[in-house]
């Protein structure tokens, strides 16, 4: 087993101190971790994607009004007051960036990855999206149109990934398990 990182050791020490001082309980910490890992996380968006793949009426609703589609699920967390969902197809690949800061729909994608906030990702995604996607391992044919969506404080974006082939008999729950956060940002294909 590897040694814990300095950040892990500091977090553990801080957690112990807060519990010792009576400012937090172990249950508070467990609930917070569960909230971000289970209720405010990429699995929320994955549930929406899987439902859209098996229920065309929901897919249409999600594409027409992502905010209303999210409301059906009652997810905790914010940043989905105005959610726009864009769909990947065999001819179009979408990716999301926030060029100004790191606007991001937490309720459906969980915590933003560190690279999403990086100035290089934010600027290069707009200037050279094909090169950025290639660095993520997404090599698209030249004829595929790439659309970059700029999230803002007013509008957040989420990608409805292209459903992988060969999963016609998969259940909604099985489909949920294959959807990744990165595919819903558009920097990965399934």
C-alpha atoms as a PDB file:
ATOM      1  CA  UNK A   1       0.000   0.000   0.000  1.00  0.00           C
ATOM      2  CA  UNK A   2       1.308   3.487  -0.845  1.00  0.00           C
ATOM      3  CA  UNK A   3       1.982   6.194   1.709  1.00  0.00           C
ATOM      4  CA  UNK A   4      -0.798   8.776   2.175  1.00  0.00           C
ATOM      5  CA  UNK A   5      -0.160  12.130   0.519  1.00  0.00           C
ATOM      6  CA  UNK A   6       0.565  15.272   2.515  1.00  0.00           C
ATOM      7  CA  UNK A   7      -2.853  16.630   1.530  1.00  0.00           C
ATOM      8  CA  UNK A   8      -4.544  13.450   2.803  1.00  0.00           C
ATOM      9  CA  UNK A   9      -2.669  13.665   6.094  1.00  0.00           C
ATOM     10  CA  UNK A  10      -3.627  17.336   6.523  1.00  0.00           C
ATOM     11  CA  UNK A  11      -7.277  16.600   5.709  1.00  0.00           C
ATOM     12  CA  UNK A  12      -7.338  13.741   8.212  1.00  0.00           C
ATOM     13  CA  UNK A  13      -5.733  15.924  10.901  1.00  0.00           C
ATOM     14  CA  UNK A  14      -8.206  18.736  10.249  1.00  0.00           C
ATOM     15  CA  UNK A  15     -11.126  16.307  10.353  1.00  0.00           C
ATOM     16  CA  UNK A  16      -9.920  14.899  13.687  1.00  0.00           C
ATOM     17  CA  UNK A  17      -9.475  18.374  15.145  1.00  0.00           C
ATOM     18  CA  UNK A  18     -12.957  19.510  14.080  1.00  0.00           C
ATOM     19  CA  UNK A  19     -14.500  16.381  15.623  1.00  0.00           C
ATOM     20  CA  UNK A  20     -12.434  16.793  18.797  1.00  0.00           C
ATOM     21  CA  UNK A  21     -13.573  20.429  19.150  1.00  0.00           C
ATOM     22  CA  UNK A  22     -17.220  19.381  18.686  1.00  0.00           C
ATOM     23  CA  UNK A  23     -17.649  21.419  15.520  1.00  0.00           C
ATOM     24  CA  UNK A  24     -18.413  18.334  13.427  1.00  0.00           C
ATOM     25  CA  UNK A  25     -19.362  14.741  14.020  1.00  0.00           C
ATOM     26  CA  UNK A  26     -18.206  11.707  12.096  1.00  0.00           C
ATOM     27  CA  UNK A  27     -21.775  11.410  10.851  1.00  0.00           C
ATOM     28  CA  UNK A  28     -21.605  14.983   9.456  1.00  0.00           C
ATOM     29  CA  UNK A  29     -18.476  14.083   7.534  1.00  0.00           C
ATOM     30  CA  UNK A  30     -19.909  10.781   6.281  1.00  0.00           C
ATOM     31  CA  UNK A  31     -23.089  12.569   5.144  1.00  0.00           C
ATOM     32  CA  UNK A  32     -21.095  15.232   3.312  1.00  0.00           C
ATOM     33  CA  UNK A  33     -18.954  12.648   1.549  1.00  0.00           C
ATOM     34  CA  UNK A  34     -22.067  10.619   0.635  1.00  0.00           C
ATOM     35  CA  UNK A  35     -23.774  13.736  -0.681  1.00  0.00           C
ATOM     36  CA  UNK A  36     -20.984  14.494  -3.127  1.00  0.00           C
ATOM     37  CA  UNK A  37     -20.243  10.872  -4.023  1.00  0.00           C
ATOM     38  CA  UNK A  38     -23.798   9.565  -4.281  1.00  0.00           C
ATOM     39  CA  UNK A  39     -26.288  12.387  -4.582  1.00  0.00           C
ATOM     40  CA  UNK A  40     -24.409  15.311  -6.114  1.00  0.00           C
ATOM     41  CA  UNK A  41     -22.191  13.577  -8.521  1.00  0.00           C
ATOM     42  CA  UNK A  42     -21.713  12.312 -12.029  1.00  0.00           C
ATOM     43  CA  UNK A  43     -24.120   9.468 -11.358  1.00  0.00           C
ATOM     44  CA  UNK A  44     -26.956  12.006 -11.384  1.00  0.00           C
ATOM     45  CA  UNK A  45     -26.115  13.040 -14.914  1.00  0.00           C
ATOM     46  CA  UNK A  46     -25.519   9.389 -15.827  1.00  0.00           C
ATOM     47  CA  UNK A  47     -29.048   8.549 -14.681  1.00  0.00           C
ATOM     48  CA  UNK A  48     -30.415  11.296 -16.919  1.00  0.00           C
ATOM     49  CA  UNK A  49     -28.345  10.112 -19.881  1.00  0.00           C
ATOM     50  CA  UNK A  50     -29.402   6.473 -19.456  1.00  0.00           C
ATOM     51  CA  UNK A  51     -33.053   7.482 -19.212  1.00  0.00           C
ATOM     52  CA  UNK A  52     -32.701   9.579 -22.376  1.00  0.00           C
ATOM     53  CA  UNK A  53     -31.186   6.593 -24.182  1.00  0.00           C
ATOM     54  CA  UNK A  54     -34.141   4.331 -23.323  1.00  0.00           C
ATOM     55  CA  UNK A  55     -37.004   6.862 -23.254  1.00  0.00           C
ATOM     56  CA  UNK A  56     -37.231   9.027 -26.365  1.00  0.00           C
ATOM     57  CA  UNK A  57     -39.903  11.297 -24.848  1.00  0.00           C
ATOM     58  CA  UNK A  58     -37.551  12.074 -21.953  1.00  0.00           C
ATOM     59  CA  UNK A  59     -34.658  12.557 -24.410  1.00  0.00           C
ATOM     60  CA  UNK A  60     -36.702  15.138 -26.302  1.00  0.00           C
ATOM     61  CA  UNK A  61     -37.639  16.883 -23.049  1.00  0.00           C
ATOM     62  CA  UNK A  62     -34.015  16.889 -21.900  1.00  0.00           C
ATOM     63  CA  UNK A  63     -32.852  18.458 -25.156  1.00  0.00           C
ATOM     64  CA  UNK A  64     -35.701  20.998 -25.172  1.00  0.00           C
ATOM     65  CA  UNK A  65     -35.411  22.009 -21.497  1.00  0.00           C
ATOM     66  CA  UNK A  66     -32.607  20.480 -19.464  1.00  0.00           C
ATOM     67  CA  UNK A  67     -33.696  22.372 -16.362  1.00  0.00           C
ATOM     68  CA  UNK A  68     -37.153  20.760 -16.433  1.00  0.00           C
ATOM     69  CA  UNK A  69     -35.579  17.348 -17.034  1.00  0.00           C
ATOM     70  CA  UNK A  70     -33.341  17.773 -13.973  1.00  0.00           C
ATOM     71  CA  UNK A  71     -36.332  18.852 -11.882  1.00  0.00           C
ATOM     72  CA  UNK A  72     -37.976  15.467 -12.508  1.00  0.00           C
ATOM     73  CA  UNK A  73     -35.161  13.825 -10.571  1.00  0.00           C
ATOM     74  CA  UNK A  74     -35.084  16.242  -7.635  1.00  0.00           C
ATOM     75  CA  UNK A  75     -31.289  16.209  -7.426  1.00  0.00           C
ATOM     76  CA  UNK A  76     -29.656  18.139  -4.600  1.00  0.00           C
ATOM     77  CA  UNK A  77     -27.111  20.769  -5.408  1.00  0.00           C
ATOM     78  CA  UNK A  78     -27.051  23.741  -7.621  1.00  0.00           C
ATOM     79  CA  UNK A  79     -25.941  25.303 -10.802  1.00  0.00           C
ATOM     80  CA  UNK A  80     -28.728  23.834 -12.919  1.00  0.00           C
ATOM     81  CA  UNK A  81     -31.145  26.770 -12.807  1.00  0.00           C
ATOM     82  CA  UNK A  82     -30.656  27.060 -16.582  1.00  0.00           C
ATOM     83  CA  UNK A  83     -29.274  23.779 -17.925  1.00  0.00           C
ATOM     84  CA  UNK A  84     -28.904  23.260 -21.645  1.00  0.00           C
ATOM     85  CA  UNK A  85     -28.257  19.724 -22.877  1.00  0.00           C
ATOM     86  CA  UNK A  86     -26.546  19.247 -26.244  1.00  0.00           C
ATOM     87  CA  UNK A  87     -26.482  15.890 -28.020  1.00  0.00           C
ATOM     88  CA  UNK A  88     -23.543  14.120 -29.593  1.00  0.00           C
ATOM     89  CA  UNK A  89     -24.369  12.373 -32.851  1.00  0.00           C
ATOM     90  CA  UNK A  90     -22.374  10.528 -35.477  1.00  0.00           C
ATOM     91  CA  UNK A  91     -21.847  13.891 -37.254  1.00  0.00           C
ATOM     92  CA  UNK A  92     -21.482  16.285 -34.279  1.00  0.00           C
ATOM     93  CA  UNK A  93     -19.328  16.129 -31.156  1.00  0.00           C
ATOM     94  CA  UNK A  94     -19.981  18.650 -28.392  1.00  0.00           C
ATOM     95  CA  UNK A  95     -17.680  19.713 -25.597  1.00  0.00           C
ATOM     96  CA  UNK A  96     -18.170  22.107 -22.700  1.00  0.00           C
ATOM     97  CA  UNK A  97     -15.848  24.731 -21.266  1.00  0.00           C
ATOM     98  CA  UNK A  98     -16.167  27.826 -19.126  1.00  0.00           C
ATOM     99  CA  UNK A  99     -13.761  30.365 -20.586  1.00  0.00           C
ATOM    100  CA  UNK A 100     -14.162  32.878 -17.762  1.00  0.00           C
ATOM    101  CA  UNK A 101     -13.911  30.725 -14.663  1.00  0.00           C
ATOM    102  CA  UNK A 102     -15.302  27.257 -14.031  1.00  0.00           C
ATOM    103  CA  UNK A 103     -19.107  27.439 -14.331  1.00  0.00           C
ATOM    104  CA  UNK A 104     -20.309  23.890 -14.127  1.00  0.00           C
ATOM    105  CA  UNK A 105     -23.594  22.028 -13.389  1.00  0.00           C
ATOM    106  CA  UNK A 106     -22.672  20.467 -10.028  1.00  0.00           C
ATOM    107  CA  UNK A 107     -26.025  18.782  -9.466  1.00  0.00           C
ATOM    108  CA  UNK A 108     -25.593  16.550 -12.511  1.00  0.00           C
ATOM    109  CA  UNK A 109     -21.811  16.291 -12.894  1.00  0.00           C
ATOM    110  CA  UNK A 110     -20.543  16.458  -9.329  1.00  0.00           C
ATOM    111  CA  UNK A 111     -17.393  18.352  -8.463  1.00  0.00           C
ATOM    112  CA  UNK A 112     -15.557  19.822 -11.454  1.00  0.00           C
ATOM    113  CA  UNK A 113     -12.287  18.117 -12.300  1.00  0.00           C
ATOM    114  CA  UNK A 114      -9.112  20.122 -11.710  1.00  0.00           C
ATOM    115  CA  UNK A 115      -8.309  20.328 -15.432  1.00  0.00           C
ATOM    116  CA  UNK A 116     -11.715  21.943 -16.140  1.00  0.00           C
ATOM    117  CA  UNK A 117     -10.573  25.011 -14.173  1.00  0.00           C
ATOM    118  CA  UNK A 118      -7.147  25.130 -15.781  1.00  0.00           C
ATOM    119  CA  UNK A 119      -6.571  28.249 -17.931  1.00  0.00           C
ATOM    120  CA  UNK A 120      -4.952  26.132 -20.651  1.00  0.00           C
ATOM    121  CA  UNK A 121      -8.058  23.940 -21.005  1.00  0.00           C
ATOM    122  CA  UNK A 122     -10.330  26.980 -20.908  1.00  0.00           C
ATOM    123  CA  UNK A 123      -8.512  28.849 -23.657  1.00  0.00           C
ATOM    124  CA  UNK A 124      -7.326  26.003 -25.866  1.00  0.00           C
ATOM    125  CA  UNK A 125     -10.744  24.308 -25.980  1.00  0.00           C
ATOM    126  CA  UNK A 126     -12.077  27.274 -27.889  1.00  0.00           C
ATOM    127  CA  UNK A 127      -9.042  27.836 -30.123  1.00  0.00           C
ATOM    128  CA  UNK A 128      -8.096  24.247 -30.897  1.00  0.00           C
ATOM    129  CA  UNK A 129     -10.796  21.857 -29.684  1.00  0.00           C
ATOM    130  CA  UNK A 130      -9.703  18.975 -31.907  1.00  0.00           C
ATOM    131  CA  UNK A 131      -6.185  19.062 -30.441  1.00  0.00           C
ATOM    132  CA  UNK A 132      -7.516  19.246 -26.860  1.00  0.00           C
ATOM    133  CA  UNK A 133      -9.855  16.323 -27.514  1.00  0.00           C
ATOM    134  CA  UNK A 134      -6.969  14.315 -28.976  1.00  0.00           C
ATOM    135  CA  UNK A 135      -5.021  14.908 -25.755  1.00  0.00           C
ATOM    136  CA  UNK A 136      -7.960  13.359 -23.887  1.00  0.00           C
ATOM    137  CA  UNK A 137      -7.808  10.369 -26.254  1.00  0.00           C
ATOM    138  CA  UNK A 138     -10.739  11.449 -28.431  1.00  0.00           C
ATOM    139  CA  UNK A 139      -9.597  11.271 -32.037  1.00  0.00           C
ATOM    140  CA  UNK A 140     -12.446  12.375 -34.264  1.00  0.00           C
ATOM    141  CA  UNK A 141     -12.655  11.976 -38.014  1.00  0.00           C
ATOM    142  CA  UNK A 142     -12.098  15.279 -39.851  1.00  0.00           C
ATOM    143  CA  UNK A 143     -15.703  15.313 -41.104  1.00  0.00           C
ATOM    144  CA  UNK A 144     -17.142  15.333 -37.568  1.00  0.00           C
ATOM    145  CA  UNK A 145     -18.172  18.837 -36.582  1.00  0.00           C
ATOM    146  CA  UNK A 146     -16.954  19.921 -33.124  1.00  0.00           C
ATOM    147  CA  UNK A 147     -19.087  22.405 -31.212  1.00  0.00           C
ATOM    148  CA  UNK A 148     -17.732  24.072 -28.093  1.00  0.00           C
ATOM    149  CA  UNK A 149     -20.249  25.389 -25.567  1.00  0.00           C
ATOM    150  CA  UNK A 150     -19.193  28.085 -23.125  1.00  0.00           C
ATOM    151  CA  UNK A 151     -20.856  27.699 -19.729  1.00  0.00           C
ATOM    152  CA  UNK A 152     -21.526  30.891 -17.837  1.00  0.00           C
ATOM    153  CA  UNK A 153     -23.149  32.085 -14.645  1.00  0.00           C
ATOM    154  CA  UNK A 154     -26.441  32.253 -16.571  1.00  0.00           C
ATOM    155  CA  UNK A 155     -26.320  28.988 -18.548  1.00  0.00           C
ATOM    156  CA  UNK A 156     -24.677  25.653 -17.784  1.00  0.00           C
ATOM    157  CA  UNK A 157     -24.178  22.935 -20.403  1.00  0.00           C
ATOM    158  CA  UNK A 158     -24.148  19.157 -20.314  1.00  0.00           C
ATOM    159  CA  UNK A 159     -23.470  16.751 -23.180  1.00  0.00           C
ATOM    160  CA  UNK A 160     -25.806  13.855 -23.961  1.00  0.00           C
ATOM    161  CA  UNK A 161     -23.187  11.358 -25.160  1.00  0.00           C
ATOM    162  CA  UNK A 162     -23.728   9.167 -28.182  1.00  0.00           C
ATOM    163  CA  UNK A 163     -25.049   5.810 -27.027  1.00  0.00           C
ATOM    164  CA  UNK A 164     -22.458   3.104 -27.663  1.00  0.00           C
ATOM    165  CA  UNK A 165     -23.364   0.465 -30.207  1.00  0.00           C
ATOM    166  CA  UNK A 166     -24.103  -3.089 -29.138  1.00  0.00           C
ATOM    167  CA  UNK A 167     -26.061  -2.190 -26.013  1.00  0.00           C
ATOM    168  CA  UNK A 168     -29.572  -2.507 -27.402  1.00  0.00           C
ATOM    169  CA  UNK A 169     -30.627  -4.961 -24.689  1.00  0.00           C
ATOM    170  CA  UNK A 170     -28.951  -3.149 -21.789  1.00  0.00           C
ATOM    171  CA  UNK A 171     -31.178  -1.961 -18.975  1.00  0.00           C
ATOM    172  CA  UNK A 172     -31.339   1.642 -17.857  1.00  0.00           C
ATOM    173  CA  UNK A 173     -29.347   0.724 -14.735  1.00  0.00           C
ATOM    174  CA  UNK A 174     -26.670  -1.017 -16.817  1.00  0.00           C
ATOM    175  CA  UNK A 175     -26.438   2.004 -19.104  1.00  0.00           C
ATOM    176  CA  UNK A 176     -26.102   4.320 -16.117  1.00  0.00           C
ATOM    177  CA  UNK A 177     -22.952   2.431 -15.086  1.00  0.00           C
ATOM    178  CA  UNK A 178     -21.109   3.153 -18.347  1.00  0.00           C
ATOM    179  CA  UNK A 179     -21.699   6.919 -18.489  1.00  0.00           C
ATOM    180  CA  UNK A 180     -18.751   8.986 -17.263  1.00  0.00           C
ATOM    181  CA  UNK A 181     -18.463  12.564 -16.111  1.00  0.00           C
ATOM    182  CA  UNK A 182     -15.963  13.245 -18.895  1.00  0.00           C
ATOM    183  CA  UNK A 183     -18.410  11.987 -21.530  1.00  0.00           C
ATOM    184  CA  UNK A 184     -21.001  14.471 -20.214  1.00  0.00           C
ATOM    185  CA  UNK A 185     -18.434  17.287 -20.548  1.00  0.00           C
ATOM    186  CA  UNK A 186     -17.585  16.000 -24.011  1.00  0.00           C
ATOM    187  CA  UNK A 187     -13.918  15.141 -23.520  1.00  0.00           C
ATOM    188  CA  UNK A 188     -14.514  11.386 -23.690  1.00  0.00           C
ATOM    189  CA  UNK A 189     -16.455   8.994 -25.858  1.00  0.00           C
ATOM    190  CA  UNK A 190     -18.099   5.864 -24.566  1.00  0.00           C
END
